[in-house]
C-alpha atoms as a PDB file:
ATOM      1  CA  MET A   1      -0.080   0.020   0.089  1.00  0.00           C
ATOM      2  CA  THR A   2       1.332   3.584  -0.881  1.00  0.00           C
ATOM      3  CA  THR A   3      -0.220   6.917   0.671  1.00  0.00           C
ATOM      4  CA  GLU A   4       1.186   8.900  -2.460  1.00  0.00           C
ATOM      5  CA  THR A   5      -1.119  10.912  -4.084  1.00  0.00           C
ATOM      6  CA  THR A   6      -2.303  10.231  -7.728  1.00  0.00           C
ATOM      7  CA  SER A   7      -3.758  12.371 -10.418  1.00  0.00           C
ATOM      8  CA  ILE A   8      -6.929   9.854 -10.727  1.00  0.00           C
ATOM      9  CA  PRO A   9     -10.155  11.984 -10.102  1.00  0.00           C
ATOM     10  CA  THR A  10     -12.242  10.714  -7.463  1.00  0.00           C
ATOM     11  CA  ALA A  11     -15.174  10.721 -10.220  1.00  0.00           C
ATOM     12  CA  THR A  12     -13.456   7.971 -12.074  1.00  0.00           C
ATOM     13  CA  ALA A  13     -11.206   5.861  -9.158  1.00  0.00           C
ATOM     14  CA  LYS A  14     -12.593   3.157  -8.074  1.00  0.00           C
ATOM     15  CA  ILE A  15     -14.777   4.163  -5.387  1.00  0.00           C
ATOM     16  CA  PRO A  16     -15.860   1.675  -2.327  1.00  0.00           C
ATOM     17  CA  ALA A  17     -19.257   0.751  -1.784  1.00  0.00           C
ATOM     18  CA  PRO A  18     -20.753   1.970   1.356  1.00  0.00           C
ATOM     19  CA  ALA A  19     -20.472  -0.656   4.133  1.00  0.00           C
ATOM     20  CA  THR A  20     -24.337  -0.415   4.906  1.00  0.00           C
ATOM     21  CA  PRO A  21     -27.406   1.625   4.234  1.00  0.00           C
ATOM     22  CA  TYR A  22     -26.439   4.323   7.202  1.00  0.00           C
ATOM     23  CA  GLN A  23     -23.135   4.562   5.314  1.00  0.00           C
ATOM     24  CA  GLU A  24     -24.978   5.070   2.193  1.00  0.00           C
ATOM     25  CA  ASP A  25     -27.771   7.037   4.001  1.00  0.00           C
ATOM     26  CA  ILE A  26     -24.906   9.870   5.078  1.00  0.00           C
ATOM     27  CA  ALA A  27     -23.071   9.621   2.108  1.00  0.00           C
ATOM     28  CA  ARG A  28     -26.065  10.659   0.136  1.00  0.00           C
ATOM     29  CA  TYR A  29     -26.193  13.508   2.283  1.00  0.00           C
ATOM     30  CA  TRP A  30     -23.312  14.927   1.868  1.00  0.00           C
ATOM     31  CA  ASN A  31     -23.215  14.596  -1.506  1.00  0.00           C
ATOM     32  CA  ASN A  32     -26.449  16.496  -1.421  1.00  0.00           C
ATOM     33  CA  GLU A  33     -25.651  19.206   0.917  1.00  0.00           C
ATOM     34  CA  ALA A  34     -24.687  22.632  -0.633  1.00  0.00           C
ATOM     35  CA  ARG A  35     -25.595  24.848   2.333  1.00  0.00           C
ATOM     36  CA  PRO A  36     -24.599  28.781   1.713  1.00  0.00           C
ATOM     37  CA  VAL A  37     -23.420  28.739   5.995  1.00  0.00           C
ATOM     38  CA  ASN A  38     -20.445  26.227   4.084  1.00  0.00           C
ATOM     39  CA  LEU A  39     -19.737  27.688   0.558  1.00  0.00           C
ATOM     40  CA  ARG A  40     -20.361  31.298   1.343  1.00  0.00           C
ATOM     41  CA  LEU A  41     -18.171  30.835   4.251  1.00  0.00           C
ATOM     42  CA  GLY A  42     -15.569  29.078   2.406  1.00  0.00           C
ATOM     43  CA  ASP A  43     -15.239  31.389  -0.607  1.00  0.00           C
ATOM     44  CA  VAL A  44     -13.976  34.342   1.800  1.00  0.00           C
ATOM     45  CA  ASP A  45     -10.818  32.818   1.426  1.00  0.00           C
ATOM     46  CA  GLY A  46     -10.822  28.967  -0.245  1.00  0.00           C
ATOM     47  CA  LEU A  47     -10.348  27.379   2.753  1.00  0.00           C
ATOM     48  CA  TYR A  48     -14.143  25.575   2.954  1.00  0.00           C
ATOM     49  CA  HIS A  49     -14.773  23.943   6.226  1.00  0.00           C
ATOM     50  CA  HIS A  50     -17.703  21.657   7.697  1.00  0.00           C
ATOM     51  CA  HIS A  51     -17.096  22.405  11.314  1.00  0.00           C
ATOM     52  CA  TYR A  52     -17.832  25.636  13.674  1.00  0.00           C
ATOM     53  CA  GLY A  53     -16.125  28.675  15.029  1.00  0.00           C
ATOM     54  CA  ILE A  54     -14.519  29.788  18.667  1.00  0.00           C
ATOM     55  CA  GLY A  55     -13.898  32.694  20.022  1.00  0.00           C
ATOM     56  CA  ALA A  56     -14.334  36.112  20.940  1.00  0.00           C
ATOM     57  CA  VAL A  57     -16.170  38.011  18.268  1.00  0.00           C
ATOM     58  CA  ASP A  58     -14.762  41.173  16.963  1.00  0.00           C
ATOM     59  CA  HIS A  59     -17.664  43.464  16.646  1.00  0.00           C
ATOM     60  CA  ALA A  60     -14.829  46.409  16.126  1.00  0.00           C
ATOM     61  CA  ALA A  61     -15.061  44.670  12.357  1.00  0.00           C
ATOM     62  CA  LEU A  62     -18.251  44.015  12.115  1.00  0.00           C
ATOM     63  CA  GLY A  63     -19.409  48.005  12.353  1.00  0.00           C
ATOM     64  CA  ASP A  64     -22.752  49.171  12.308  1.00  0.00           C
ATOM     65  CA  PRO A  65     -25.850  46.589  11.207  1.00  0.00           C
ATOM     66  CA  ALA A  66     -27.479  48.932   9.307  1.00  0.00           C
ATOM     67  CA  HIS A  67     -23.907  49.512   6.690  1.00  0.00           C
ATOM     68  CA  SER A  68     -24.582  48.202   3.423  1.00  0.00           C
ATOM     69  CA  GLU A  69     -21.841  45.383   3.954  1.00  0.00           C
ATOM     70  CA  TYR A  70     -22.712  44.159   7.407  1.00  0.00           C
ATOM     71  CA  GLU A  71     -23.548  40.845   6.049  1.00  0.00           C
ATOM     72  CA  LYS A  72     -20.493  40.276   4.244  1.00  0.00           C
ATOM     73  CA  LYS A  73     -18.559  41.683   7.091  1.00  0.00           C
ATOM     74  CA  VAL A  74     -20.904  38.515   9.639  1.00  0.00           C
ATOM     75  CA  VAL A  75     -19.878  35.912   6.657  1.00  0.00           C
ATOM     76  CA  ALA A  76     -16.281  36.623   7.499  1.00  0.00           C
ATOM     77  CA  GLU A  77     -16.420  36.935  10.643  1.00  0.00           C
ATOM     78  CA  LEU A  78     -17.960  33.611  10.897  1.00  0.00           C
ATOM     79  CA  HIS A  79     -15.284  32.000   8.924  1.00  0.00           C
ATOM     80  CA  ARG A  80     -12.460  33.766  10.754  1.00  0.00           C
ATOM     81  CA  LEU A  81     -13.769  31.609  14.143  1.00  0.00           C
ATOM     82  CA  GLU A  82     -14.069  27.938  11.899  1.00  0.00           C
ATOM     83  CA  SER A  83     -10.610  28.841  10.515  1.00  0.00           C
ATOM     84  CA  ALA A  84      -9.451  30.171  14.896  1.00  0.00           C
ATOM     85  CA  GLN A  85     -10.679  26.411  15.454  1.00  0.00           C
ATOM     86  CA  ALA A  86      -9.248  24.122  12.638  1.00  0.00           C
ATOM     87  CA  GLU A  87      -5.681  26.093  14.167  1.00  0.00           C
ATOM     88  CA  PHE A  88      -7.025  25.335  17.726  1.00  0.00           C
ATOM     89  CA  LEU A  89      -7.158  21.661  17.156  1.00  0.00           C
ATOM     90  CA  MET A  90      -3.977  21.722  15.042  1.00  0.00           C
ATOM     91  CA  ASP A  91      -1.525  23.470  18.028  1.00  0.00           C
ATOM     92  CA  HIS A  92      -2.426  19.813  19.677  1.00  0.00           C
ATOM     93  CA  LEU A  93      -1.481  17.602  17.101  1.00  0.00           C
ATOM     94  CA  GLY A  94       2.069  17.525  18.915  1.00  0.00           C
ATOM     95  CA  PRO A  95       5.393  17.468  16.659  1.00  0.00           C
ATOM     96  CA  VAL A  96       4.660  17.162  13.032  1.00  0.00           C
ATOM     97  CA  GLY A  97       7.777  17.257  10.514  1.00  0.00           C
ATOM     98  CA  PRO A  98       7.299  17.454   6.494  1.00  0.00           C
ATOM     99  CA  GLY A  99       8.467  13.720   6.176  1.00  0.00           C
ATOM    100  CA  ASP A 100       4.971  12.897   8.342  1.00  0.00           C
ATOM    101  CA  THR A 101       1.686  11.736   7.097  1.00  0.00           C
ATOM    102  CA  LEU A 102      -1.382  13.375   8.679  1.00  0.00           C
ATOM    103  CA  VAL A 103      -5.118  11.575   8.500  1.00  0.00           C
ATOM    104  CA  ASP A 104      -8.295  13.495   8.313  1.00  0.00           C
ATOM    105  CA  ALA A 105     -11.154  11.551   8.801  1.00  0.00           C
ATOM    106  CA  GLY A 106     -14.398  12.525   7.743  1.00  0.00           C
ATOM    107  CA  CYS A 107     -12.614  15.716   5.990  1.00  0.00           C
ATOM    108  CA  GLY A 108     -15.516  17.259   4.463  1.00  0.00           C
ATOM    109  CA  ARG A 109     -14.298  19.792   1.529  1.00  0.00           C
ATOM    110  CA  GLY A 110     -10.511  19.788   2.725  1.00  0.00           C
ATOM    111  CA  GLY A 111     -10.135  23.406   4.406  1.00  0.00           C
ATOM    112  CA  SER A 112      -8.465  21.686   7.637  1.00  0.00           C
ATOM    113  CA  MET A 113      -6.061  19.758   5.266  1.00  0.00           C
ATOM    114  CA  VAL A 114      -5.299  22.580   3.398  1.00  0.00           C
ATOM    115  CA  MET A 115      -4.272  24.100   6.535  1.00  0.00           C
ATOM    116  CA  ALA A 116      -2.103  21.392   8.049  1.00  0.00           C
ATOM    117  CA  HIS A 117      -0.007  21.179   4.615  1.00  0.00           C
ATOM    118  CA  ARG A 118       0.471  25.394   4.804  1.00  0.00           C
ATOM    119  CA  ARG A 119       1.402  24.649   8.715  1.00  0.00           C
ATOM    120  CA  PHE A 120       3.355  22.034   8.760  1.00  0.00           C
ATOM    121  CA  GLY A 121       4.891  21.200   5.364  1.00  0.00           C
ATOM    122  CA  CYS A 122       3.458  17.252   5.182  1.00  0.00           C
ATOM    123  CA  ARG A 123       1.090  14.588   3.533  1.00  0.00           C
ATOM    124  CA  VAL A 124      -2.508  14.915   4.778  1.00  0.00           C
ATOM    125  CA  GLU A 125      -4.867  12.355   3.772  1.00  0.00           C
ATOM    126  CA  GLY A 126      -8.330  12.705   4.292  1.00  0.00           C
ATOM    127  CA  VAL A 127     -11.314  10.363   4.234  1.00  0.00           C
ATOM    128  CA  THR A 128     -14.836  10.970   3.673  1.00  0.00           C
ATOM    129  CA  LEU A 129     -17.728   9.267   2.436  1.00  0.00           C
ATOM    130  CA  SER A 130     -18.772  11.935   0.075  1.00  0.00           C
ATOM    131  CA  THR A 131     -17.667  11.542  -3.328  1.00  0.00           C
ATOM    132  CA  GLY A 132     -19.020  15.175  -3.573  1.00  0.00           C
ATOM    133  CA  GLN A 133     -16.749  15.875  -0.990  1.00  0.00           C
ATOM    134  CA  ALA A 134     -13.869  13.998  -2.287  1.00  0.00           C
ATOM    135  CA  ASP A 135     -14.250  16.089  -5.835  1.00  0.00           C
ATOM    136  CA  PHE A 136     -14.786  19.304  -4.379  1.00  0.00           C
ATOM    137  CA  GLY A 137     -11.372  18.484  -2.212  1.00  0.00           C
ATOM    138  CA  ASN A 138      -9.005  17.335  -4.495  1.00  0.00           C
ATOM    139  CA  GLY A 139     -10.248  19.764  -7.271  1.00  0.00           C
ATOM    140  CA  ARG A 140      -9.062  22.828  -4.482  1.00  0.00           C
ATOM    141  CA  ALA A 141      -5.233  20.642  -3.984  1.00  0.00           C
ATOM    142  CA  ARG A 142      -4.939  20.575  -7.514  1.00  0.00           C
ATOM    143  CA  GLU A 143      -6.209  24.360  -7.706  1.00  0.00           C
ATOM    144  CA  LEU A 144      -3.406  25.004  -5.094  1.00  0.00           C
ATOM    145  CA  ARG A 145      -1.078  23.041  -6.903  1.00  0.00           C
ATOM    146  CA  ILE A 146      -0.455  20.940  -3.400  1.00  0.00           C
ATOM    147  CA  ASP A 147      -2.228  17.721  -4.901  1.00  0.00           C
ATOM    148  CA  ASP A 148       1.069  16.160  -5.063  1.00  0.00           C
ATOM    149  CA  HIS A 149       0.473  16.715  -0.527  1.00  0.00           C
ATOM    150  CA  VAL A 150      -3.054  16.871  -0.185  1.00  0.00           C
ATOM    151  CA  ARG A 151      -5.896  14.233  -1.302  1.00  0.00           C
ATOM    152  CA  SER A 152      -9.159  13.355  -0.486  1.00  0.00           C
ATOM    153  CA  ARG A 153     -10.451   9.668  -0.551  1.00  0.00           C
ATOM    154  CA  VAL A 154     -13.906   7.695  -0.539  1.00  0.00           C
ATOM    155  CA  CYS A 155     -13.698   5.117   1.956  1.00  0.00           C
ATOM    156  CA  ASN A 156     -15.170   4.347   5.335  1.00  0.00           C
ATOM    157  CA  MET A 157     -13.138   6.135   8.085  1.00  0.00           C
ATOM    158  CA  LEU A 158     -13.613   2.630  10.347  1.00  0.00           C
ATOM    159  CA  ASP A 159     -11.503   0.361   7.313  1.00  0.00           C
ATOM    160  CA  THR A 160      -9.025   3.278   5.826  1.00  0.00           C
ATOM    161  CA  PRO A 161      -6.372   1.989   3.800  1.00  0.00           C
ATOM    162  CA  PHE A 162      -3.261   3.211   5.543  1.00  0.00           C
ATOM    163  CA  ASP A 163      -0.225   0.780   6.872  1.00  0.00           C
ATOM    164  CA  LYS A 164      -0.490  -0.314  10.155  1.00  0.00           C
ATOM    165  CA  GLY A 165       1.358   2.430  12.360  1.00  0.00           C
ATOM    166  CA  SER A 166       2.178   5.042   9.697  1.00  0.00           C
ATOM    167  CA  VAL A 167       0.302   7.849  10.801  1.00  0.00           C
ATOM    168  CA  THR A 168       2.012  10.822  12.902  1.00  0.00           C
ATOM    169  CA  ALA A 169      -1.086  12.194  13.751  1.00  0.00           C
ATOM    170  CA  SER A 170      -5.208  12.234  12.956  1.00  0.00           C
ATOM    171  CA  TRP A 171      -8.223  14.285  13.953  1.00  0.00           C
ATOM    172  CA  ASN A 172     -11.823  13.699  13.559  1.00  0.00           C
ATOM    173  CA  ASN A 173     -12.921  17.510  13.310  1.00  0.00           C
ATOM    174  CA  GLU A 174     -17.142  17.114  14.389  1.00  0.00           C
ATOM    175  CA  SER A 175     -17.451  13.780  12.661  1.00  0.00           C
ATOM    176  CA  THR A 176     -17.535  11.582  15.327  1.00  0.00           C
ATOM    177  CA  MET A 177     -21.418  11.172  15.789  1.00  0.00           C
ATOM    178  CA  TYR A 178     -21.629   9.290  12.384  1.00  0.00           C
ATOM    179  CA  VAL A 179     -19.608   5.976  13.888  1.00  0.00           C
ATOM    180  CA  ASP A 180     -19.584   3.672  16.817  1.00  0.00           C
ATOM    181  CA  LEU A 181     -16.293   5.179  18.580  1.00  0.00           C
ATOM    182  CA  HIS A 182     -15.066   1.678  19.582  1.00  0.00           C
ATOM    183  CA  ASP A 183     -14.659   1.209  15.646  1.00  0.00           C
ATOM    184  CA  LEU A 184     -13.362   4.762  15.467  1.00  0.00           C
ATOM    185  CA  PHE A 185     -10.355   4.558  17.625  1.00  0.00           C
ATOM    186  CA  GLY A 186     -10.122   0.888  16.901  1.00  0.00           C
ATOM    187  CA  GLU A 187      -8.839   2.047  13.199  1.00  0.00           C
ATOM    188  CA  HIS A 188      -7.012   5.202  14.509  1.00  0.00           C
ATOM    189  CA  SER A 189      -5.073   3.474  17.306  1.00  0.00           C
ATOM    190  CA  ARG A 190      -4.135   0.463  14.176  1.00  0.00           C
ATOM    191  CA  PHE A 191      -2.618   3.368  11.669  1.00  0.00           C
ATOM    192  CA  LEU A 192      -1.089   5.741  14.477  1.00  0.00           C
ATOM    193  CA  LYS A 193       3.061   5.236  15.093  1.00  0.00           C
ATOM    194  CA  VAL A 194       3.147   4.286  19.077  1.00  0.00           C
ATOM    195  CA  GLY A 195       3.583   7.744  20.182  1.00  0.00           C
ATOM    196  CA  GLY A 196       1.429   8.923  17.339  1.00  0.00           C
ATOM    197  CA  ARG A 197      -1.533  11.968  18.906  1.00  0.00           C
ATOM    198  CA  TYR A 198      -5.028  11.778  18.382  1.00  0.00           C
ATOM    199  CA  VAL A 199      -7.571  14.920  18.918  1.00  0.00           C
ATOM    200  CA  THR A 200     -11.115  15.627  18.460  1.00  0.00           C
ATOM    201  CA  ILE A 201     -13.431  18.272  18.717  1.00  0.00           C
ATOM    202  CA  THR A 202     -16.775  17.423  18.764  1.00  0.00           C
ATOM    203  CA  GLY A 203     -20.476  17.672  20.163  1.00  0.00           C
ATOM    204  CA  CYS A 204     -20.985  15.723  23.447  1.00  0.00           C
ATOM    205  CA  TRP A 205     -24.136  15.239  25.324  1.00  0.00           C
ATOM    206  CA  ASN A 206     -23.116  15.930  28.842  1.00  0.00           C
ATOM    207  CA  PRO A 207     -23.783  12.801  31.389  1.00  0.00           C
ATOM    208  CA  ARG A 208     -24.450  14.943  34.413  1.00  0.00           C
ATOM    209  CA  TYR A 209     -27.648  15.949  32.234  1.00  0.00           C
ATOM    210  CA  GLY A 210     -29.069  12.546  32.916  1.00  0.00           C
ATOM    211  CA  GLN A 211     -29.750  11.674  29.063  1.00  0.00           C
ATOM    212  CA  PRO A 212     -30.021  13.369  26.213  1.00  0.00           C
ATOM    213  CA  SER A 213     -31.842  16.401  25.923  1.00  0.00           C
ATOM    214  CA  LYS A 214     -34.661  17.734  23.784  1.00  0.00           C
ATOM    215  CA  TRP A 215     -32.009  19.799  22.275  1.00  0.00           C
ATOM    216  CA  VAL A 216     -29.865  17.023  21.277  1.00  0.00           C
ATOM    217  CA  SER A 217     -32.188  15.061  20.017  1.00  0.00           C
ATOM    218  CA  GLN A 218     -32.907  17.926  17.356  1.00  0.00           C
ATOM    219  CA  ILE A 219     -29.329  17.827  16.283  1.00  0.00           C
ATOM    220  CA  ASN A 220     -29.746  14.411  15.657  1.00  0.00           C
ATOM    221  CA  ALA A 221     -32.288  14.585  13.353  1.00  0.00           C
ATOM    222  CA  HIS A 222     -31.069  17.145  11.568  1.00  0.00           C
ATOM    223  CA  PHE A 223     -27.942  15.763  11.305  1.00  0.00           C
ATOM    224  CA  GLU A 224     -29.285  12.251  11.029  1.00  0.00           C
ATOM    225  CA  CYS A 225     -26.314  11.594  12.986  1.00  0.00           C
ATOM    226  CA  ASN A 226     -25.808   9.866  16.815  1.00  0.00           C
ATOM    227  CA  ILE A 227     -24.225  12.429  19.388  1.00  0.00           C
ATOM    228  CA  HIS A 228     -21.799  10.370  21.705  1.00  0.00           C
ATOM    229  CA  SER A 229     -21.942  11.329  25.609  1.00  0.00           C
ATOM    230  CA  ARG A 230     -18.338  13.040  26.566  1.00  0.00           C
ATOM    231  CA  ARG A 231     -18.273   9.176  28.959  1.00  0.00           C
ATOM    232  CA  GLU A 232     -18.255   7.374  25.991  1.00  0.00           C
ATOM    233  CA  TYR A 233     -15.488   9.100  24.184  1.00  0.00           C
ATOM    234  CA  LEU A 234     -12.800   8.070  26.910  1.00  0.00           C
ATOM    235  CA  ARG A 235     -14.327   4.813  27.865  1.00  0.00           C
ATOM    236  CA  ALA A 236     -13.367   4.130  23.969  1.00  0.00           C
ATOM    237  CA  MET A 237     -10.218   5.546  23.823  1.00  0.00           C
ATOM    238  CA  ALA A 238      -9.470   3.698  27.028  1.00  0.00           C
ATOM    239  CA  ASP A 239     -10.029   0.470  25.480  1.00  0.00           C
ATOM    240  CA  ASN A 240      -8.219   1.125  22.174  1.00  0.00           C
ATOM    241  CA  ARG A 241      -5.201   2.596  23.755  1.00  0.00           C
ATOM    242  CA  LEU A 242      -5.298   5.799  23.055  1.00  0.00           C
ATOM    243  CA  VAL A 243      -4.721   8.135  26.651  1.00  0.00           C
ATOM    244  CA  PRO A 244      -6.305  11.130  26.658  1.00  0.00           C
ATOM    245  CA  HIS A 245      -3.798  14.108  28.425  1.00  0.00           C
ATOM    246  CA  THR A 246      -5.932  17.186  27.385  1.00  0.00           C
ATOM    247  CA  ILE A 247      -9.609  17.505  27.558  1.00  0.00           C
ATOM    248  CA  VAL A 248     -10.794  21.373  26.664  1.00  0.00           C
ATOM    249  CA  ASP A 249     -14.136  22.461  27.158  1.00  0.00           C
ATOM    250  CA  LEU A 250     -14.937  24.968  24.011  1.00  0.00           C
ATOM    251  CA  THR A 251     -18.554  25.370  25.124  1.00  0.00           C
ATOM    252  CA  PRO A 252     -17.979  29.224  26.090  1.00  0.00           C
ATOM    253  CA  ASP A 253     -15.717  29.679  23.025  1.00  0.00           C
ATOM    254  CA  THR A 254     -18.298  28.633  21.028  1.00  0.00           C
ATOM    255  CA  LEU A 255     -20.998  29.814  21.945  1.00  0.00           C
ATOM    256  CA  PRO A 256     -20.153  33.795  20.579  1.00  0.00           C
ATOM    257  CA  TYR A 257     -20.024  31.674  16.993  1.00  0.00           C
ATOM    258  CA  TRP A 258     -23.388  30.819  17.608  1.00  0.00           C
ATOM    259  CA  GLU A 259     -25.500  33.886  18.526  1.00  0.00           C
ATOM    260  CA  LEU A 260     -23.766  35.520  15.917  1.00  0.00           C
ATOM    261  CA  ARG A 261     -24.930  33.292  13.245  1.00  0.00           C
ATOM    262  CA  ALA A 262     -28.321  33.215  14.421  1.00  0.00           C
ATOM    263  CA  THR A 263     -28.360  36.669  13.455  1.00  0.00           C
ATOM    264  CA  SER A 264     -27.141  36.334   9.517  1.00  0.00           C
ATOM    265  CA  SER A 265     -28.314  35.567   6.799  1.00  0.00           C
ATOM    266  CA  LEU A 266     -27.061  31.808   6.819  1.00  0.00           C
ATOM    267  CA  VAL A 267     -29.632  30.225   9.557  1.00  0.00           C
ATOM    268  CA  THR A 268     -30.273  26.514   9.026  1.00  0.00           C
ATOM    269  CA  GLY A 269     -32.859  26.253  11.604  1.00  0.00           C
ATOM    270  CA  ILE A 270     -30.496  24.469  13.510  1.00  0.00           C
ATOM    271  CA  GLU A 271     -29.245  27.769  15.802  1.00  0.00           C
ATOM    272  CA  GLU A 272     -31.617  27.500  18.754  1.00  0.00           C
ATOM    273  CA  ALA A 273     -30.926  23.789  19.494  1.00  0.00           C
ATOM    274  CA  PHE A 274     -27.640  24.772  19.877  1.00  0.00           C
ATOM    275  CA  ILE A 275     -27.686  27.826  21.568  1.00  0.00           C
ATOM    276  CA  GLU A 276     -30.106  26.440  24.338  1.00  0.00           C
ATOM    277  CA  SER A 277     -28.331  23.263  24.874  1.00  0.00           C
ATOM    278  CA  TYR A 278     -25.051  24.755  25.601  1.00  0.00           C
ATOM    279  CA  ARG A 279     -26.598  27.384  27.831  1.00  0.00           C
ATOM    280  CA  ASP A 280     -28.584  24.723  29.676  1.00  0.00           C
ATOM    281  CA  GLY A 281     -25.669  22.139  30.018  1.00  0.00           C
ATOM    282  CA  SER A 282     -27.225  19.133  28.416  1.00  0.00           C
ATOM    283  CA  PHE A 283     -25.001  19.764  25.587  1.00  0.00           C
ATOM    284  CA  GLN A 284     -21.032  20.430  25.557  1.00  0.00           C
ATOM    285  CA  TYR A 285     -18.488  21.277  22.605  1.00  0.00           C
ATOM    286  CA  VAL A 286     -14.757  19.710  23.490  1.00  0.00           C
ATOM    287  CA  LEU A 287     -11.492  19.152  22.540  1.00  0.00           C
ATOM    288  CA  ILE A 288      -9.854  15.900  23.520  1.00  0.00           C
ATOM    289  CA  ALA A 289      -6.138  14.795  22.232  1.00  0.00           C
ATOM    290  CA  ALA A 290      -4.774  11.418  22.954  1.00  0.00           C
ATOM    291  CA  ASP A 291      -1.215   9.367  22.438  1.00  0.00           C
ATOM    292  CA  ARG A 292      -1.171   6.131  21.093  1.00  0.00           C
ATOM    293  CA  VAL A 293       0.295   4.416  23.421  1.00  0.00           C
END
């Protein structure tokens, strides 16, 4: 097996079939997804994300809401917060050199992969169930002339083609809610080097609340996913030789992003569920970094 990038377009390469009907549903969902909240934000600087933002809103940069350029500034600010989230994740990947390989499991349209390559100069492999996302990400890599280092491929993140112990660091950025955590962390543990780093940023329901709240249930229905509890993450990591050493509660840091997004023209109807669940403590936004032992 080789992880070298080829010039074969995703559409003409052999695409593995989804392993289950649910995976087929998820592939369909993301193949058809073209929300302005993802595409318009990516148009700001060519980095197309599929995750949320963290950090304080720069209200001075937004200016007067009555100004004709205000909505454009809101879009740029939301995008800045999303890129800040990706940078924060990469801050926790540990030492990475140009000769290393990183894996983005659930890579979306590839914005974080581009950022990782620019930051570390290394090879970045992304996996997604969506042919549309992979084609988009590979197209952007070719446009940026980094397709020799950055590649998206269509495959199951629970059954990747990467060699055992071949990857320096890997991550899931808001993509763990689509899979069984034990299966997922078992696969990361397989392809990570001993001493390699795994990082996830994810929303999880708070066990102290008792059960998933009505808001969490709405989020599950909206995205056709299954949000896990924080406790489940830690248990599944421990069972798969991934030892958490850093846990950061980002809930207070992501709330400003959602409050700003709720005022924009890019609303999707799920904003209230995120805001209320973060406020009542039933839902948390966390970073977990773990080392492979």
